Amino acid sequence: MEIAVQCAAMNASFLKIGPHQFSNQTILAPMAGVTDLPYRNLCRELGAGAAVAEMLTSNQTLWHSRKSIFRQIQKDESGLRWIQMLGNDPQQMAGAARECENKGAHIVDINMGCPAKKVCKTAAGSALLQNEVLVEKILSTVVAAVNIPVTLKIRTGWAKQNKNALTIGRIAEQSGIAALSVHGRTRACSYEEAVEYETVATLKQALNIPVIVNGDITSPEKAKAVLEQTGADGLMIGRAALGNPWLFHQVDQFINHHKTVAEPSVNELHNCIARHVRELHAFYGEYLGLRIARKHVSWYEEKFPARVSLRQQFNQLTSCEEQLDLIECFFNRGNYQDNSRILQRQCV
């Protein structure tokens, strides 16, 4: 599998949101601190039909912070520009959506699914599911403010005793939302407990807008089973893609072409990690690039066999050049042997 992967044939009929026809069903989920421009580009190149940018606050007075600048739409981003917004004030969110459109966004997504305590304490994210009146106001106001599709991401409810995904889905459809993504757990469940794929199936049967399923889609086989169970129009993959951007191509090939794609070779793993680190430094600069590269390398390490570790040495380095040199050393000086199996020796 090469870094540049051709997506499924464009004449295939897959998910469509507004005027945007997707090349396959797979979507990189928005994840704070993860789905930045370098990672979105990488996942799209390795088979993702779309990639959603990490959530951006709707409070534009905060957009000048270093973190928010990197999270905004980037002018040089190729492919579909799909950004997620977080907030709870209808007019503020409408203004932010207009500005995202002005900056080149193709789709704006509204976050009503984040379970993080610091988000819910501000009555944003999945906390909004408790206030259906406010949900309707936010959705209708944002939809009316822009000329691009608006999508919504939710959970199945606030808690097990407060599941209202179907009600929220109907509100979304009536408000003009173009597609609904559903993480199949309540806010209270966080990322624990089984995913409620049956709830997603109910939503798909009840709504006329596209429904995208999210939650524990960890392999091509699981992706196929989830699509069959839910009838969803798309698959949103989050945590399973950490350190594993090849998953999108594997899922697409398994579902649409009945092919099982091998895990990346040693050479592909080497090239991908080195490229990713270089692009993180180019995007963020050295100070942030160093730190963000460390967490990505720790995720890539899950592809390594037991007892083979790059992380400890990598995290002690203080320049881009040192990071790239260590990667070259690690892969090229006897630590790996390209027979699709990784040998258990450390770089010294």
Protein backbone atom coordinates (compact mmCIF):
# COMPACT_ATOMS: atom_id res chain seq x y z
CA MET A 1 0.00 0.00 0.00
CA GLU A 2 1.63 3.26 -1.11
CA ILE A 3 1.17 6.62 0.60
CA ALA A 4 -0.83 7.87 -2.38
CA VAL A 5 -3.95 5.69 -2.50
CA GLN A 6 -6.63 6.00 -5.12
CA CYS A 7 -10.12 6.18 -3.65
CA ALA A 8 -13.05 4.13 -4.90
CA ALA A 9 -14.27 4.81 -8.42
CA MET A 10 -15.95 8.17 -8.61
CA ASN A 11 -18.96 6.75 -10.41
CA ALA A 12 -19.91 4.79 -7.29
CA SER A 13 -22.94 6.15 -5.46
CA PHE A 14 -21.91 6.95 -1.92
CA LEU A 15 -22.75 9.55 0.70
CA LYS A 16 -23.77 12.98 -0.59
CA ILE A 17 -24.07 16.11 1.57
CA GLY A 18 -25.50 19.08 -0.25
CA PRO A 19 -23.61 19.30 -3.55
CA HIS A 20 -20.67 17.24 -2.24
CA GLN A 21 -20.46 13.67 -3.50
CA PHE A 22 -18.09 11.49 -1.47
CA SER A 23 -15.77 8.91 -3.02
CA ASN A 24 -16.56 6.33 -0.32
CA GLN A 25 -18.35 6.01 3.03
CA THR A 26 -15.41 6.63 5.36
CA ILE A 27 -14.97 9.89 7.29
CA LEU A 28 -12.26 10.92 9.73
CA ALA A 29 -14.11 12.11 12.86
CA PRO A 30 -13.26 15.51 14.33
CA MET A 31 -10.97 15.06 17.35
CA ALA A 32 -9.57 17.97 19.35
CA GLY A 33 -5.80 18.09 19.18
CA VAL A 34 -5.67 15.40 16.49
CA THR A 35 -7.47 16.18 13.24
CA ASP A 36 -5.32 19.13 12.24
CA LEU A 37 -4.41 19.92 8.64
CA PRO A 38 -1.43 17.52 8.39
CA TYR A 39 -3.45 14.59 9.71
CA ARG A 40 -6.52 15.40 7.60
CA ASN A 41 -4.38 15.53 4.46
CA LEU A 42 -2.72 12.24 5.36
CA CYS A 43 -5.98 10.41 6.04
CA ARG A 44 -7.59 11.70 2.86
CA GLU A 45 -4.57 10.57 0.86
CA LEU A 46 -4.77 7.16 2.50
CA GLY A 47 -8.40 6.61 1.59
CA ALA A 48 -10.74 8.68 3.78
CA GLY A 49 -13.71 9.96 1.81
CA ALA A 50 -13.66 13.09 3.97
CA ALA A 51 -11.94 14.46 7.07
CA VAL A 52 -13.55 16.83 9.58
CA ALA A 53 -11.42 19.51 11.22
CA GLU A 54 -11.15 19.61 15.00
CA MET A 55 -13.75 21.69 16.80
CA LEU A 56 -13.42 25.46 16.82
CA THR A 57 -15.10 27.67 19.41
CA SER A 58 -17.89 29.85 18.02
CA ASN A 59 -16.57 32.77 20.10
CA GLN A 60 -14.63 34.70 17.46
CA THR A 61 -12.91 36.89 20.07
CA LEU A 62 -10.85 33.76 20.88
CA TRP A 63 -9.90 33.02 17.29
CA HIS A 64 -6.65 34.95 17.59
CA SER A 65 -5.20 32.51 20.11
CA ARG A 66 -2.46 30.23 18.82
CA LYS A 67 -4.63 27.13 19.21
CA SER A 68 -7.62 28.63 17.38
CA ILE A 69 -5.51 29.95 14.49
CA PHE A 70 -4.38 26.41 13.69
CA ARG A 71 -7.94 25.10 13.98
CA GLN A 72 -9.43 27.52 11.46
CA ILE A 73 -9.91 26.76 7.78
CA GLN A 74 -6.56 26.76 6.02
CA LYS A 75 -6.41 28.38 2.58
CA ASP A 76 -4.07 25.75 1.18
CA GLU A 77 -6.22 22.79 2.26
CA SER A 78 -7.17 20.60 -0.67
CA GLY A 79 -10.30 18.51 -0.79
CA LEU A 80 -13.52 19.02 1.13
CA ARG A 81 -13.15 21.62 3.90
CA TRP A 82 -15.47 20.49 6.70
CA ILE A 83 -15.09 22.24 10.05
CA GLN A 84 -16.82 21.64 13.39
CA MET A 85 -18.02 24.43 15.69
CA LEU A 86 -18.67 24.38 19.42
CA GLY A 87 -20.94 26.78 21.29
CA ASN A 88 -24.38 27.39 22.73
CA ASP A 89 -25.40 30.86 21.58
CA PRO A 90 -27.45 30.77 18.33
CA GLN A 91 -26.41 34.19 17.03
CA GLN A 92 -22.78 33.72 17.96
CA MET A 93 -22.71 30.35 16.25
CA ALA A 94 -24.42 31.79 13.17
CA GLY A 95 -21.78 34.53 12.96
CA ALA A 96 -18.99 31.99 13.33
CA ALA A 97 -20.51 29.81 10.63
CA ARG A 98 -20.68 32.78 8.24
CA GLU A 99 -17.04 33.56 8.92
CA CYS A 100 -16.06 29.94 8.30
CA GLU A 101 -17.93 30.09 5.00
CA ASN A 102 -16.12 33.32 4.12
CA LYS A 103 -12.80 31.63 4.86
CA GLY A 104 -13.57 28.79 2.48
CA ALA A 105 -15.44 26.11 4.45
CA HIS A 106 -17.55 23.77 2.32
CA ILE A 107 -19.52 22.30 5.25
CA VAL A 108 -20.00 23.46 8.84
CA ASP A 109 -20.66 20.86 11.53
CA ILE A 110 -22.27 21.65 14.89
CA ASN A 111 -20.94 19.77 17.91
CA MET A 112 -23.64 18.41 20.20
CA GLY A 113 -21.77 15.21 20.95
CA CYS A 114 -18.61 16.06 22.91
CA PRO A 115 -18.85 14.44 26.38
CA ALA A 116 -15.87 16.26 27.93
CA LYS A 117 -16.66 17.80 31.33
CA LYS A 118 -15.02 21.13 30.51
CA VAL A 119 -17.25 21.40 27.42
CA CYS A 120 -20.46 20.30 29.11
CA LYS A 121 -19.85 22.72 31.98
CA THR A 122 -20.26 25.54 29.47
CA ALA A 123 -23.61 24.06 28.36
CA ALA A 124 -22.11 23.13 24.99
CA GLY A 125 -21.37 19.82 23.27
CA SER A 126 -23.60 16.96 24.41
CA ALA A 127 -24.98 19.10 27.26
CA LEU A 128 -27.18 20.78 24.65
CA LEU A 129 -29.13 17.55 24.22
CA GLN A 130 -30.90 18.40 27.47
CA ASN A 131 -32.45 21.53 25.93
CA GLU A 132 -34.40 20.64 22.81
CA VAL A 133 -35.78 24.17 22.42
CA LEU A 134 -32.28 25.62 22.33
CA VAL A 135 -31.17 22.87 19.94
CA GLU A 136 -33.85 23.91 17.46
CA LYS A 137 -32.95 27.58 17.81
CA ILE A 138 -29.25 26.96 17.23
CA LEU A 139 -29.80 24.71 14.24
CA SER A 140 -32.34 26.87 12.46
CA THR A 141 -30.33 30.06 13.09
CA VAL A 142 -27.07 28.60 11.79
CA VAL A 143 -28.70 27.00 8.74
CA ALA A 144 -30.35 30.32 7.82
CA ALA A 145 -27.05 32.19 8.18
CA VAL A 146 -25.00 30.36 5.54
CA ASN A 147 -25.22 29.12 1.98
CA ILE A 148 -23.26 25.92 2.62
CA PRO A 149 -24.53 22.65 4.14
CA VAL A 150 -24.72 22.46 7.93
CA THR A 151 -24.36 19.08 9.61
CA LEU A 152 -24.88 18.00 13.22
CA LYS A 153 -23.09 15.51 15.44
CA ILE A 154 -24.89 14.11 18.48
CA ARG A 155 -24.96 11.28 20.98
CA THR A 156 -27.97 9.12 21.73
CA GLY A 157 -28.88 11.33 24.68
CA TRP A 158 -27.61 12.78 27.92
CA ALA A 159 -27.91 9.59 29.97
CA LYS A 160 -29.50 6.16 29.68
CA GLN A 161 -32.73 7.47 31.16
CA ASN A 162 -32.64 10.53 28.89
CA LYS A 163 -32.23 9.21 25.36
CA ASN A 164 -33.70 11.60 22.82
CA ALA A 165 -31.68 11.04 19.66
CA LEU A 166 -34.81 10.47 17.57
CA THR A 167 -36.38 13.73 18.75
CA ILE A 168 -33.14 15.62 18.08
CA GLY A 169 -32.85 13.96 14.68
CA ARG A 170 -36.31 15.10 13.70
CA ILE A 171 -35.58 18.63 14.93
CA ALA A 172 -32.38 18.59 12.85
CA GLU A 173 -34.17 17.48 9.71
CA GLN A 174 -36.92 20.08 10.14
CA SER A 175 -34.31 22.78 10.74
CA GLY A 176 -32.54 22.10 7.46
CA ILE A 177 -29.57 20.11 8.71
CA ALA A 178 -27.97 18.34 5.74
CA ALA A 179 -26.65 15.23 7.52
CA LEU A 180 -26.61 13.76 11.03
CA SER A 181 -23.64 11.99 12.63
CA VAL A 182 -24.40 9.85 15.67
CA HIS A 183 -21.96 8.52 18.23
CA GLY A 184 -23.93 5.58 19.56
CA ARG A 185 -23.52 6.25 23.27
CA THR A 186 -25.03 8.69 25.73
CA ARG A 187 -22.98 11.51 27.20
CA ALA A 188 -22.90 9.67 30.54
CA CYS A 189 -21.42 6.59 28.85
CA SER A 190 -18.49 8.63 27.51
CA TYR A 191 -16.46 6.05 25.55
CA GLU A 192 -17.36 3.11 27.72
CA GLU A 193 -20.10 0.48 27.32
CA ALA A 194 -21.45 -0.97 24.10
CA VAL A 195 -22.37 1.26 21.17
CA GLU A 196 -26.12 1.49 20.49
CA TYR A 197 -26.10 0.68 16.80
CA GLU A 198 -29.80 -0.11 17.01
CA THR A 199 -30.48 3.55 17.81
CA VAL A 200 -28.61 4.58 14.66
CA ALA A 201 -30.71 2.09 12.66
CA THR A 202 -33.89 3.65 14.08
CA LEU A 203 -32.71 7.12 13.09
CA LYS A 204 -31.83 5.96 9.58
CA GLN A 205 -35.32 4.50 9.13
CA ALA A 206 -37.05 7.59 10.52
CA LEU A 207 -35.13 10.37 8.74
CA ASN A 208 -34.71 11.41 5.13
CA ILE A 209 -31.33 13.09 5.61
CA PRO A 210 -28.08 11.10 5.53
CA VAL A 211 -27.17 9.40 8.80
CA ILE A 212 -23.53 8.71 9.65
CA VAL A 213 -22.64 6.17 12.32
CA ASN A 214 -19.76 6.66 14.77
CA GLY A 215 -18.38 4.60 17.62
CA ASP A 216 -16.02 1.63 17.93
CA ILE A 217 -15.51 1.11 14.19
CA THR A 218 -12.12 -0.52 14.60
CA SER A 219 -11.62 -2.80 11.59
CA PRO A 220 -12.88 -3.44 8.07
CA GLU A 221 -14.92 -6.37 9.32
CA LYS A 222 -16.51 -4.27 12.06
CA ALA A 223 -17.21 -1.46 9.60
CA LYS A 224 -19.07 -3.82 7.25
CA ALA A 225 -21.09 -5.29 10.10
CA VAL A 226 -22.04 -1.84 11.41
CA LEU A 227 -23.14 -0.66 7.96
CA GLU A 228 -25.28 -3.77 7.56
CA GLN A 229 -26.81 -3.42 11.02
CA THR A 230 -27.58 0.29 10.83
CA GLY A 231 -28.13 0.97 7.14
CA ALA A 232 -26.12 4.17 7.70
CA ASP A 233 -24.96 6.27 4.79
CA GLY A 234 -21.47 6.81 6.16
CA LEU A 235 -18.92 5.57 8.70
CA MET A 236 -17.19 8.09 10.95
CA ILE A 237 -13.96 6.71 12.39
CA GLY A 238 -12.17 8.40 15.27
CA ARG A 239 -9.95 6.77 17.86
CA ALA A 240 -9.28 3.67 15.74
CA ALA A 241 -7.51 5.90 13.20
CA LEU A 242 -4.94 7.18 15.72
CA GLY A 243 -1.62 5.96 14.40
CA ASN A 244 -3.54 4.00 11.79
CA PRO A 245 -4.49 6.25 8.84
CA TRP A 246 -4.39 3.16 6.59
CA LEU A 247 -7.68 1.99 8.13
CA PHE A 248 -9.76 4.10 5.74
CA HIS A 249 -8.37 2.40 2.65
CA GLN A 250 -8.69 -1.01 4.29
CA VAL A 251 -12.36 -0.37 5.13
CA ASP A 252 -13.16 0.97 1.66
CA GLN A 253 -11.51 -1.96 -0.09
CA PHE A 254 -13.17 -4.54 2.16
CA ILE A 255 -16.67 -3.08 1.85
CA ASN A 256 -16.73 -1.91 -1.75
CA HIS A 257 -14.24 -4.18 -3.49
CA HIS A 258 -14.31 -7.32 -1.29
CA LYS A 259 -10.56 -7.11 -0.81
CA THR A 260 -8.53 -7.57 2.34
CA VAL A 261 -5.66 -5.08 2.40
CA ALA A 262 -2.53 -6.03 4.33
CA GLU A 263 -1.15 -3.98 7.17
CA PRO A 264 1.42 -1.38 6.05
CA SER A 265 4.87 -2.71 5.27
CA VAL A 266 7.89 -1.58 7.25
CA ASN A 267 8.84 0.79 4.44
CA GLU A 268 5.34 2.30 4.35
CA LEU A 269 5.31 2.72 8.10
CA HIS A 270 8.72 4.41 7.97
CA ASN A 271 7.73 6.79 5.17
CA CYS A 272 4.41 7.68 6.76
CA ILE A 273 5.84 8.50 10.20
CA ALA A 274 8.70 10.56 8.74
CA ARG A 275 6.37 12.44 6.42
CA HIS A 276 3.87 13.11 9.21
CA VAL A 277 6.56 14.49 11.52
CA ARG A 278 7.94 16.75 8.78
CA GLU A 279 4.51 18.14 7.98
CA LEU A 280 3.67 18.75 11.64
CA HIS A 281 6.82 20.85 11.98
CA ALA A 282 6.09 22.70 8.74
CA PHE A 283 2.56 23.51 9.90
CA TYR A 284 3.12 24.34 13.58
CA GLY A 285 6.76 25.36 13.77
CA GLU A 286 9.29 23.61 15.96
CA TYR A 287 7.93 24.36 19.43
CA LEU A 288 4.48 22.88 18.88
CA GLY A 289 5.64 20.50 16.17
CA LEU A 290 7.93 18.70 18.63
CA ARG A 291 5.16 18.15 21.14
CA ILE A 292 2.44 17.15 18.73
CA ALA A 293 4.75 14.75 16.89
CA ARG A 294 5.42 12.95 20.18
CA LYS A 295 1.82 11.90 20.70
CA HIS A 296 1.40 10.78 17.09
CA VAL A 297 4.55 8.66 17.26
CA SER A 298 3.22 7.04 20.44
CA TRP A 299 0.08 6.05 18.52
CA TYR A 300 2.08 4.72 15.58
CA GLU A 301 4.00 2.57 18.03
CA GLU A 302 0.93 0.38 18.40
CA LYS A 303 1.91 -0.99 14.98
CA PHE A 304 5.23 -2.13 16.44
CA PRO A 305 5.67 -5.56 18.06
CA ALA A 306 6.00 -5.94 21.80
CA ARG A 307 9.16 -4.58 23.41
CA VAL A 308 10.07 -2.44 20.39
CA SER A 309 9.82 1.22 21.39
CA LEU A 310 10.73 4.51 19.80
CA ARG A 311 8.77 6.68 22.18
CA GLN A 312 11.15 7.01 25.13
CA GLN A 313 14.04 8.28 23.00
CA PHE A 314 11.80 10.31 20.71
CA ASN A 315 10.21 12.25 23.58
CA GLN A 316 13.61 13.46 24.80
CA LEU A 317 14.54 15.16 21.53
CA THR A 318 14.48 18.93 21.14
CA SER A 319 14.52 19.64 17.40
CA CYS A 320 12.84 18.56 14.20
CA GLU A 321 16.16 17.35 12.80
CA GLU A 322 16.77 15.14 15.83
CA GLN A 323 13.30 13.60 15.55
CA LEU A 324 13.74 12.84 11.84
CA ASP A 325 17.28 11.49 12.40
CA LEU A 326 16.05 9.12 15.08
CA ILE A 327 13.27 7.84 12.81
CA GLU A 328 15.84 7.18 10.06
CA CYS A 329 18.14 5.46 12.53
CA PHE A 330 15.34 3.38 13.96
CA PHE A 331 14.14 2.06 10.63
CA ASN A 332 17.35 1.90 8.62
CA ARG A 333 20.05 0.56 10.93
CA GLY A 334 18.97 -2.98 11.56
CA ASN A 335 15.98 -2.33 13.75
CA TYR A 336 13.55 -3.40 11.03
CA GLN A 337 13.75 -5.95 8.27
CA ASP A 338 11.28 -5.39 5.46
CA ASN A 339 9.70 -8.81 5.30
CA SER A 340 6.42 -7.41 6.65
CA ARG A 341 7.56 -8.30 10.14
CA ILE A 342 9.26 -5.97 12.59
CA LEU A 343 12.35 -7.25 14.39
CA GLN A 344 12.82 -6.53 18.04
CA ARG A 345 15.97 -4.42 18.23
CA GLN A 346 16.36 -0.88 19.46
CA CYS A 347 18.17 1.97 17.74
CA VAL A 348 21.34 2.94 19.64
